[in-house]
Amino acid sequence: MTAEIAERGRIWQAKAAALADIEQRQLFFIGGAPRSGTTWVQLLFDAHPDVCCKGEGLFPHHLGKGIDQVINGWRKALTEKNNTLFKKSGGYPLPDQEDADFLLATGILRAFSRQCAGGHYRAIGEKTPENVFLFPRLKRLFPHAKFVGVVRDPRDALTSALHIFHDTTQDDDLDASQLAYIRQALGPMVHGLKAMLGLCSQYPADCAIVSYEALIADSAGSVSRLFDFLGVDGSREIVDACIKKTSFSSLSNGRAPGEGRDNEFFRKGIVGDWRATLTPEMNRIILEAVGEWFPTFGWKA
């Protein structure tokens, strides 16, 4: 039994050392609105031989919020016990936000270790669109981490979302149903965009924003800049190989850009598709919500 306990201790120490090693890599996180191109960027990074980038780890909701709930529940239970049974003796120290952050950071590092599957990578990252809401906290947990925000003309992003996520029945008024979906989606989209821009303003050297439109118009230049941002080889040979591996045709089983197929994750792969779907009213509502940022990203109203 003593030998078994000692072996378990060595295993634990080895796992802890592995997490410390992971933490020293160039960690990065990708986020953006759904259907904005976050998966494309993730795949581009993962195609690089020195980068391991998977998606989606679902850190914001399933890990971050779950840990916060556990810590809050534990704190509440201890407080009740301290205020009753142990009122005179002082009770037990309460967990705080630092405990939650430590557990979240450890969980993410453990996930990254699993993700790498024993491989040695210079940069390790993950993509979940909702990461944008967690960017400030992630920056606090991993001060040397880098953040990649992906943006796309909201009209194209919402058009793609309508074709992929939005269900209508025969009894629905199609325009009204789609308009309601757009109104509901715009709130989180604006919130995420503000969070992304806010972090970039505060930590400009550690943040990069790439647009779907730029990735299509200048794939080589955009991808080279992203690789340079992470500090990995951005040579033309590697860039071209990554672009080829993640082209729309490669990801959609041979379809050409513009050859759309609803309910396919890689649906159409073009810019400006919103014109065939959105009504003038839908366009107006979107512009009212996010039009102020169109010049920033070169989108035409």
Protein backbone atom coordinates (compact mmCIF):
# COMPACT_ATOMS: atom_id res chain seq x y z
CA MET A 1 0.00 0.00 0.00
CA THR A 2 2.86 2.40 0.81
CA ALA A 3 4.42 1.84 -2.62
CA GLU A 4 1.03 2.41 -4.27
CA ILE A 5 0.53 5.68 -2.39
CA ALA A 6 4.04 6.81 -3.34
CA GLU A 7 3.36 6.00 -6.99
CA ARG A 8 0.11 7.99 -6.91
CA GLY A 9 2.05 10.89 -5.47
CA ARG A 10 4.58 10.75 -8.29
CA ILE A 11 1.79 10.64 -10.86
CA TRP A 12 0.16 13.69 -9.30
CA GLN A 13 3.47 15.56 -9.25
CA ALA A 14 4.11 14.68 -12.89
CA LYS A 15 0.68 15.95 -13.91
CA ALA A 16 1.20 19.17 -11.95
CA ALA A 17 4.59 19.65 -13.64
CA ALA A 18 2.97 19.05 -17.05
CA LEU A 19 0.43 21.80 -16.34
CA ALA A 20 3.21 24.17 -15.31
CA ASP A 21 4.95 23.40 -18.61
CA ILE A 22 1.76 24.06 -20.57
CA GLU A 23 1.35 27.41 -18.81
CA GLN A 24 4.75 28.49 -20.13
CA ARG A 25 3.70 28.04 -23.76
CA GLN A 26 2.16 30.83 -25.80
CA LEU A 27 -1.46 30.36 -24.80
CA PHE A 28 -4.20 32.00 -26.83
CA PHE A 29 -7.96 32.16 -27.06
CA ILE A 30 -10.22 32.82 -30.05
CA GLY A 31 -13.68 34.35 -29.79
CA GLY A 32 -16.29 36.14 -31.85
CA ALA A 33 -19.93 36.09 -32.81
CA PRO A 34 -21.33 32.75 -33.99
CA ARG A 35 -20.97 32.29 -37.76
CA SER A 36 -18.28 34.98 -37.96
CA GLY A 37 -15.45 32.65 -39.00
CA THR A 38 -14.06 31.57 -35.62
CA THR A 39 -13.91 27.92 -36.70
CA TRP A 40 -12.01 28.84 -39.87
CA VAL A 41 -9.42 30.75 -37.81
CA GLN A 42 -9.15 27.87 -35.35
CA LEU A 43 -8.52 25.40 -38.16
CA LEU A 44 -5.94 27.70 -39.75
CA PHE A 45 -4.00 27.81 -36.50
CA ASP A 46 -4.32 24.08 -35.91
CA ALA A 47 -2.95 23.41 -39.40
CA HIS A 48 0.34 25.03 -38.35
CA PRO A 49 2.92 22.42 -37.23
CA ASP A 50 3.90 24.42 -34.12
CA VAL A 51 0.35 25.22 -33.00
CA CYS A 52 -2.31 23.11 -31.30
CA CYS A 53 -5.70 24.80 -31.44
CA LYS A 54 -8.96 22.94 -30.96
CA GLY A 55 -12.55 23.96 -30.54
CA GLU A 56 -14.75 24.13 -28.68
CA GLY A 57 -13.67 23.72 -25.05
CA LEU A 58 -16.80 25.54 -23.82
CA PHE A 59 -14.78 27.19 -21.05
CA PRO A 60 -17.06 30.23 -20.52
CA HIS A 61 -20.31 28.47 -19.69
CA HIS A 62 -19.69 24.87 -18.74
CA LEU A 63 -16.42 25.33 -16.87
CA GLY A 64 -16.28 28.96 -15.73
CA LYS A 65 -19.90 29.33 -14.65
CA GLY A 66 -19.94 25.81 -13.21
CA ILE A 67 -16.90 26.49 -11.02
CA ASP A 68 -18.35 29.82 -9.89
CA GLN A 69 -21.56 28.07 -8.86
CA VAL A 70 -19.65 25.44 -6.91
CA ILE A 71 -17.55 28.05 -5.08
CA ASN A 72 -20.61 30.20 -4.34
CA GLY A 73 -22.52 27.20 -3.03
CA TRP A 74 -19.59 26.12 -0.89
CA ARG A 75 -19.17 29.66 0.47
CA LYS A 76 -22.88 29.86 1.31
CA ALA A 77 -22.82 26.51 3.12
CA LEU A 78 -19.72 27.45 5.13
CA THR A 79 -21.17 30.84 6.04
CA GLU A 80 -24.33 29.21 7.39
CA LYS A 81 -22.29 26.72 9.39
CA ASN A 82 -19.94 29.45 10.68
CA ASN A 83 -22.89 31.59 11.76
CA THR A 84 -24.58 28.77 13.68
CA LEU A 85 -22.62 25.80 14.98
CA PHE A 86 -19.22 27.53 14.93
CA LYS A 87 -20.39 31.06 15.73
CA LYS A 88 -18.29 31.33 18.87
CA SER A 89 -15.20 29.48 17.63
CA GLY A 90 -14.73 31.44 14.41
CA GLY A 91 -15.65 28.82 11.84
CA TYR A 92 -13.87 27.89 8.65
CA PRO A 93 -12.16 30.29 6.18
CA LEU A 94 -14.38 31.08 3.21
CA PRO A 95 -13.40 30.46 -0.41
CA ASP A 96 -13.25 33.54 -2.61
CA GLN A 97 -12.91 34.64 -6.22
CA GLU A 98 -9.23 33.71 -6.22
CA ASP A 99 -10.19 30.10 -5.48
CA ALA A 100 -12.62 30.10 -8.40
CA ASP A 101 -10.02 31.63 -10.71
CA PHE A 102 -7.38 29.11 -9.64
CA LEU A 103 -9.69 26.18 -10.33
CA LEU A 104 -10.73 27.64 -13.68
CA ALA A 105 -7.11 28.19 -14.72
CA THR A 106 -6.19 24.67 -13.62
CA GLY A 107 -9.14 23.21 -15.53
CA ILE A 108 -8.14 25.06 -18.70
CA LEU A 109 -4.51 23.97 -18.41
CA ARG A 110 -5.63 20.38 -17.86
CA ALA A 111 -7.83 20.66 -20.95
CA PHE A 112 -4.89 22.03 -22.96
CA SER A 113 -2.72 19.14 -21.76
CA ARG A 114 -5.35 16.65 -22.96
CA GLN A 115 -5.72 18.58 -26.18
CA CYS A 116 -2.00 18.33 -26.99
CA ALA A 117 -2.06 14.53 -26.45
CA GLY A 118 1.64 14.42 -25.62
CA GLY A 119 2.72 16.65 -28.49
CA HIS A 120 5.08 19.55 -27.92
CA TYR A 121 3.75 22.81 -29.38
CA ARG A 122 5.03 26.35 -29.21
CA ALA A 123 1.52 27.82 -29.06
CA ILE A 124 -1.62 26.27 -27.60
CA GLY A 125 -5.09 27.72 -28.03
CA GLU A 126 -8.81 27.10 -28.09
CA LYS A 127 -11.82 28.52 -29.84
CA THR A 128 -15.27 29.00 -28.38
CA PRO A 129 -17.23 31.95 -29.81
CA GLU A 130 -18.40 32.98 -26.34
CA ASN A 131 -14.78 33.34 -25.22
CA VAL A 132 -15.18 37.05 -25.97
CA PHE A 133 -17.24 37.40 -22.80
CA LEU A 134 -14.49 35.67 -20.81
CA PHE A 135 -11.53 37.54 -22.38
CA PRO A 136 -10.97 39.92 -19.41
CA ARG A 137 -11.00 37.07 -16.89
CA LEU A 138 -8.76 34.89 -19.05
CA LYS A 139 -6.30 37.77 -19.29
CA ARG A 140 -6.25 37.93 -15.49
CA LEU A 141 -5.66 34.17 -15.22
CA PHE A 142 -3.01 34.01 -17.94
CA PRO A 143 -1.25 37.40 -18.15
CA HIS A 144 0.97 36.36 -21.06
CA ALA A 145 -1.90 34.87 -23.11
CA LYS A 146 -2.94 36.34 -26.44
CA PHE A 147 -6.43 36.88 -27.77
CA VAL A 148 -7.80 36.68 -31.29
CA GLY A 149 -11.14 38.28 -32.05
CA VAL A 150 -12.90 37.30 -35.27
CA VAL A 151 -15.41 39.69 -36.81
CA ARG A 152 -17.69 39.54 -39.82
CA ASP A 153 -20.23 41.90 -41.32
CA PRO A 154 -23.08 41.28 -38.84
CA ARG A 155 -25.53 40.99 -41.72
CA ASP A 156 -23.62 38.07 -43.20
CA ALA A 157 -23.08 36.48 -39.79
CA LEU A 158 -26.78 36.73 -38.96
CA THR A 159 -27.79 35.52 -42.43
CA SER A 160 -25.64 32.43 -41.96
CA ALA A 161 -27.09 31.92 -38.48
CA LEU A 162 -30.62 32.16 -39.84
CA HIS A 163 -29.91 29.41 -42.35
CA ILE A 164 -28.15 27.18 -39.82
CA PHE A 165 -29.78 27.74 -36.43
CA HIS A 166 -33.17 29.34 -36.94
CA ASP A 167 -36.12 26.97 -37.21
CA THR A 168 -39.45 28.07 -38.64
CA THR A 169 -42.71 26.21 -38.96
CA GLN A 170 -45.23 26.42 -41.76
CA ASP A 171 -47.46 28.55 -39.55
CA ASP A 172 -44.74 31.15 -38.95
CA ASP A 173 -44.61 34.51 -40.65
CA LEU A 174 -41.10 34.02 -42.07
CA ASP A 175 -40.05 37.68 -42.03
CA ALA A 176 -41.45 38.27 -38.54
CA SER A 177 -39.82 35.13 -37.21
CA GLN A 178 -36.45 36.00 -38.71
CA LEU A 179 -36.72 39.57 -37.47
CA ALA A 180 -37.37 38.35 -33.92
CA TYR A 181 -34.32 36.09 -34.15
CA ILE A 182 -32.15 38.97 -35.33
CA ARG A 183 -33.34 41.26 -32.53
CA GLN A 184 -32.53 38.58 -29.96
CA ALA A 185 -29.07 37.90 -31.42
CA LEU A 186 -28.00 41.53 -31.67
CA GLY A 187 -27.73 42.09 -27.90
CA PRO A 188 -25.06 39.43 -27.29
CA MET A 189 -23.34 40.42 -30.54
CA VAL A 190 -22.96 44.04 -29.40
CA HIS A 191 -21.87 42.93 -25.92
CA GLY A 192 -19.21 40.63 -27.37
CA LEU A 193 -17.94 43.25 -29.79
CA LYS A 194 -17.56 45.79 -26.99
CA ALA A 195 -15.72 43.26 -24.82
CA MET A 196 -13.36 42.41 -27.67
CA LEU A 197 -12.60 46.03 -28.54
CA GLY A 198 -12.23 46.95 -24.89
CA LEU A 199 -9.56 44.32 -24.28
CA CYS A 200 -7.76 45.30 -27.48
CA SER A 201 -7.71 48.90 -26.35
CA GLN A 202 -6.30 47.93 -22.94
CA TYR A 203 -3.77 45.35 -24.18
CA PRO A 204 -3.04 46.18 -27.83
CA ALA A 205 0.12 44.04 -28.01
CA ASP A 206 -1.74 40.94 -26.83
CA CYS A 207 -4.86 41.25 -28.97
CA ALA A 208 -5.52 40.85 -32.66
CA ILE A 209 -8.73 41.21 -34.61
CA VAL A 210 -9.17 39.59 -38.00
CA SER A 211 -12.20 39.94 -40.22
CA TYR A 212 -13.82 37.27 -42.33
CA GLU A 213 -13.71 39.68 -45.24
CA ALA A 214 -9.94 40.19 -44.89
CA LEU A 215 -9.36 36.45 -44.71
CA ILE A 216 -11.14 36.06 -48.05
CA ALA A 217 -9.69 39.15 -49.78
CA ASP A 218 -6.09 38.61 -48.62
CA SER A 219 -5.80 35.12 -47.18
CA ALA A 220 -2.00 34.95 -47.29
CA GLY A 221 -1.46 38.35 -45.72
CA SER A 222 -4.08 37.82 -43.01
CA VAL A 223 -2.83 34.38 -42.04
CA SER A 224 0.81 35.49 -42.05
CA ARG A 225 -0.05 38.32 -39.66
CA LEU A 226 -1.89 35.93 -37.34
CA PHE A 227 1.09 33.57 -37.25
CA ASP A 228 3.45 36.47 -36.60
CA PHE A 229 1.15 37.60 -33.79
CA LEU A 230 1.59 34.22 -32.08
CA GLY A 231 5.32 34.18 -32.70
CA VAL A 232 5.29 31.09 -34.92
CA ASP A 233 6.74 30.58 -38.40
CA GLY A 234 4.81 32.67 -40.91
CA SER A 235 6.80 31.67 -43.97
CA ARG A 236 4.97 31.58 -47.29
CA GLU A 237 5.33 27.80 -47.55
CA ILE A 238 3.61 27.17 -44.22
CA VAL A 239 0.98 29.86 -44.80
CA ASP A 240 0.07 28.45 -48.21
CA ALA A 241 -0.16 24.91 -46.81
CA CYS A 242 -2.48 26.03 -44.00
CA ILE A 243 -4.69 27.99 -46.39
CA LYS A 244 -4.94 25.04 -48.77
CA LYS A 245 -5.82 22.63 -45.97
CA THR A 246 -8.60 24.90 -44.67
CA SER A 247 -10.02 26.20 -47.96
CA PHE A 248 -13.79 26.23 -48.33
CA SER A 249 -13.55 23.49 -50.94
CA SER A 250 -11.49 21.29 -48.62
CA LEU A 251 -13.84 21.81 -45.67
CA SER A 252 -17.06 21.36 -47.67
CA ASN A 253 -16.19 18.17 -49.53
CA GLY A 254 -15.39 19.84 -52.82
CA ARG A 255 -18.01 22.60 -53.09
CA ALA A 256 -16.89 25.91 -54.54
CA PRO A 257 -17.40 29.17 -52.59
CA GLY A 258 -20.92 30.40 -53.27
CA GLU A 259 -22.25 26.89 -53.80
CA GLY A 260 -24.45 27.08 -50.75
CA ARG A 261 -26.03 24.26 -48.82
CA ASP A 262 -28.27 25.10 -45.87
CA ASN A 263 -27.78 23.13 -42.66
CA GLU A 264 -24.14 22.45 -43.61
CA PHE A 265 -21.71 23.92 -41.11
CA PHE A 266 -19.52 25.27 -43.90
CA ARG A 267 -22.48 26.71 -45.75
CA LYS A 268 -21.42 29.11 -48.50
CA GLY A 269 -18.09 30.82 -47.83
CA ILE A 270 -18.67 34.19 -49.48
CA VAL A 271 -19.06 37.86 -48.61
CA GLY A 272 -22.33 39.77 -49.15
CA ASP A 273 -24.76 36.85 -49.05
CA TRP A 274 -27.02 38.85 -46.73
CA ARG A 275 -28.52 40.70 -49.70
CA ALA A 276 -30.36 37.55 -50.79
CA THR A 277 -31.93 36.99 -47.37
CA LEU A 278 -32.41 40.14 -45.32
CA THR A 279 -35.23 42.59 -45.85
CA PRO A 280 -34.65 46.36 -45.78
CA GLU A 281 -36.21 46.41 -42.31
CA MET A 282 -33.77 43.77 -41.06
CA ASN A 283 -30.85 45.68 -42.55
CA ARG A 284 -32.01 48.90 -40.88
CA ILE A 285 -32.29 47.27 -37.44
CA ILE A 286 -28.82 45.74 -37.73
CA LEU A 287 -27.29 49.04 -38.82
CA GLU A 288 -28.93 50.85 -35.92
CA ALA A 289 -27.41 48.35 -33.47
CA VAL A 290 -23.88 47.97 -34.84
CA GLY A 291 -23.49 50.46 -37.67
CA GLU A 292 -21.15 52.68 -35.65
CA TRP A 293 -18.44 50.00 -35.93
CA PHE A 294 -18.76 49.45 -39.69
CA PRO A 295 -16.02 51.97 -40.58
CA THR A 296 -13.65 50.31 -38.10
CA PHE A 297 -13.76 47.04 -40.00
CA GLY A 298 -14.32 48.40 -43.52
CA TRP A 299 -17.89 47.17 -43.87
CA LYS A 300 -20.14 49.09 -46.24
CA ALA A 301 -23.51 50.12 -44.87
